[in-house]
Amino acid sequence: MLGEILVIDDEEEIRELFKDLLTQAGYQVTLARNGREGIDLVAKKAYDLVITDLMMPDWDGRTAIKAISAGRPSTKIIVVSAASSEMYEKLKKTETIVGIVQKPFEIEELLDLISKNIGTKK
């Protein structure tokens, strides 16, 4: 396995899509249904990368990003969301965010971003 990735998204289809794609690419993937669940998982284990949506019930992505950045500042975060461009501009200032991908997105774009940050298949 290349690295461990936590995916935080409230949509089950999206979580499963990420799991399938990233597992096929060689990554170990853990899934969380919302920010609260994601924060709990990160508190127990260090992940190489977290991919999070922004707009979710029960602790949104921004809350999760703040908590993850405070508790595990070396964890890299990629935001994948349909949020507004103003929201993205605010998020770019967060040091642990290594990329922002707007939905809908190209799978290769996301995989390239992940590989630049935690490695890829040889």
Protein backbone atom coordinates (compact mmCIF):
# COMPACT_ATOMS: atom_id res chain seq x y z
CA MET A 1 0.00 0.00 0.00
CA LEU A 2 1.17 3.49 -0.82
CA GLY A 3 -0.39 5.47 1.96
CA GLU A 4 -3.43 5.78 4.16
CA ILE A 5 -6.21 8.12 3.12
CA LEU A 6 -9.28 9.14 5.10
CA VAL A 7 -12.28 10.20 2.99
CA ILE A 8 -14.91 12.35 4.73
CA ASP A 9 -18.15 12.80 2.78
CA ASP A 10 -21.82 12.58 3.73
CA GLU A 11 -22.85 10.93 0.44
CA GLU A 12 -22.42 7.16 0.52
CA GLU A 13 -22.05 6.91 -3.28
CA ILE A 14 -19.20 9.42 -3.23
CA ARG A 15 -17.46 7.63 -0.34
CA GLU A 16 -17.70 4.29 -2.12
CA LEU A 17 -16.47 5.81 -5.40
CA PHE A 18 -13.42 7.25 -3.63
CA LYS A 19 -12.79 3.94 -1.87
CA ASP A 20 -12.91 1.98 -5.13
CA LEU A 21 -10.73 4.42 -7.09
CA LEU A 22 -8.13 4.92 -4.39
CA THR A 23 -7.91 1.25 -3.43
CA GLN A 24 -7.34 0.35 -7.10
CA ALA A 25 -4.58 2.98 -7.20
CA GLY A 26 -2.85 1.26 -4.25
CA TYR A 27 -3.92 3.36 -1.29
CA GLN A 28 -5.45 2.14 1.96
CA VAL A 29 -8.78 3.94 2.46
CA THR A 30 -10.91 4.63 5.53
CA LEU A 31 -14.35 6.27 5.23
CA ALA A 32 -16.16 8.76 7.47
CA ARG A 33 -19.77 9.97 7.03
CA ASN A 34 -19.28 13.47 8.43
CA GLY A 35 -16.80 15.83 10.04
CA ARG A 36 -17.41 14.54 13.55
CA GLU A 37 -16.67 10.95 12.54
CA GLY A 38 -13.61 12.08 10.59
CA ILE A 39 -12.22 14.04 13.54
CA ASP A 40 -12.73 11.03 15.82
CA LEU A 41 -10.82 8.79 13.39
CA VAL A 42 -7.93 11.25 13.01
CA ALA A 43 -7.70 11.57 16.80
CA LYS A 44 -7.06 7.82 17.00
CA LYS A 45 -4.78 7.39 13.99
CA ALA A 46 -2.50 9.44 11.76
CA TYR A 47 -3.42 9.40 8.07
CA ASP A 48 -1.12 10.45 5.24
CA LEU A 49 -3.93 12.40 3.62
CA VAL A 50 -7.52 13.43 4.31
CA ILE A 51 -9.99 14.12 1.51
CA THR A 52 -13.02 16.01 2.75
CA ASP A 53 -16.20 17.52 1.43
CA LEU A 54 -17.18 20.89 2.92
CA MET A 55 -20.94 20.89 3.14
CA MET A 56 -22.04 18.07 5.44
CA PRO A 57 -24.40 17.70 8.38
CA ASP A 58 -23.05 17.08 11.91
CA TRP A 59 -19.79 19.03 11.72
CA ASP A 60 -19.01 20.27 8.26
CA GLY A 61 -15.71 20.09 6.42
CA ARG A 62 -14.43 23.45 7.65
CA THR A 63 -14.88 22.33 11.27
CA ALA A 64 -13.11 19.05 10.47
CA ILE A 65 -10.24 20.85 8.72
CA LYS A 66 -9.70 23.17 11.71
CA ALA A 67 -9.72 20.27 14.18
CA ILE A 68 -7.47 18.04 12.06
CA SER A 69 -5.03 20.89 11.41
CA ALA A 70 -4.87 21.68 15.13
CA GLY A 71 -4.53 18.08 16.31
CA ARG A 72 -2.35 16.67 13.53
CA PRO A 73 -0.72 19.62 11.73
CA SER A 74 1.37 17.36 9.47
CA THR A 75 -1.74 15.75 7.94
CA LYS A 76 -2.26 16.88 4.36
CA ILE A 77 -5.83 17.74 3.34
CA ILE A 78 -7.52 17.88 -0.04
CA VAL A 79 -10.93 19.53 -0.25
CA VAL A 80 -13.33 18.11 -2.84
CA SER A 81 -16.56 20.08 -2.88
CA ALA A 82 -19.11 22.03 -4.88
CA ALA A 83 -18.65 25.04 -2.59
CA SER A 84 -18.41 28.61 -3.86
CA SER A 85 -15.17 30.16 -5.09
CA GLU A 86 -15.24 32.58 -2.14
CA MET A 87 -15.13 29.61 0.21
CA TYR A 88 -12.13 28.22 -1.67
CA GLU A 89 -10.28 31.51 -1.37
CA LYS A 90 -10.71 31.45 2.41
CA LEU A 91 -9.57 27.83 2.61
CA LYS A 92 -6.40 28.39 0.58
CA LYS A 93 -4.96 30.17 3.61
CA THR A 94 -5.05 26.96 5.68
CA GLU A 95 -1.54 25.53 5.63
CA THR A 96 -2.55 21.86 5.80
CA ILE A 97 -4.71 22.12 2.67
CA VAL A 98 -2.58 20.90 -0.24
CA GLY A 99 -5.31 21.07 -2.86
CA ILE A 100 -8.84 22.08 -3.64
CA VAL A 101 -10.82 20.20 -6.28
CA GLN A 102 -14.22 21.48 -7.33
CA LYS A 103 -17.06 19.02 -8.04
CA PRO A 104 -17.62 17.74 -10.64
CA PHE A 105 -13.97 16.82 -11.12
CA GLU A 106 -11.77 14.68 -13.32
CA ILE A 107 -10.53 11.55 -11.56
CA GLU A 108 -7.03 12.01 -13.02
CA GLU A 109 -6.86 15.52 -11.54
CA LEU A 110 -7.52 14.12 -8.08
CA LEU A 111 -5.14 11.18 -8.47
CA ASP A 112 -2.37 13.51 -9.69
CA LEU A 113 -2.86 15.76 -6.67
CA ILE A 114 -2.75 12.78 -4.30
CA SER A 115 0.35 11.35 -5.95
CA LYS A 116 2.17 14.69 -5.74
CA ASN A 117 1.52 14.74 -2.00
CA ILE A 118 1.89 11.15 -0.80
CA GLY A 119 3.22 9.09 -3.68
CA THR A 120 1.96 6.87 -6.44
CA LYS A 121 2.30 3.38 -7.85
CA LYS A 122 5.66 2.61 -9.35
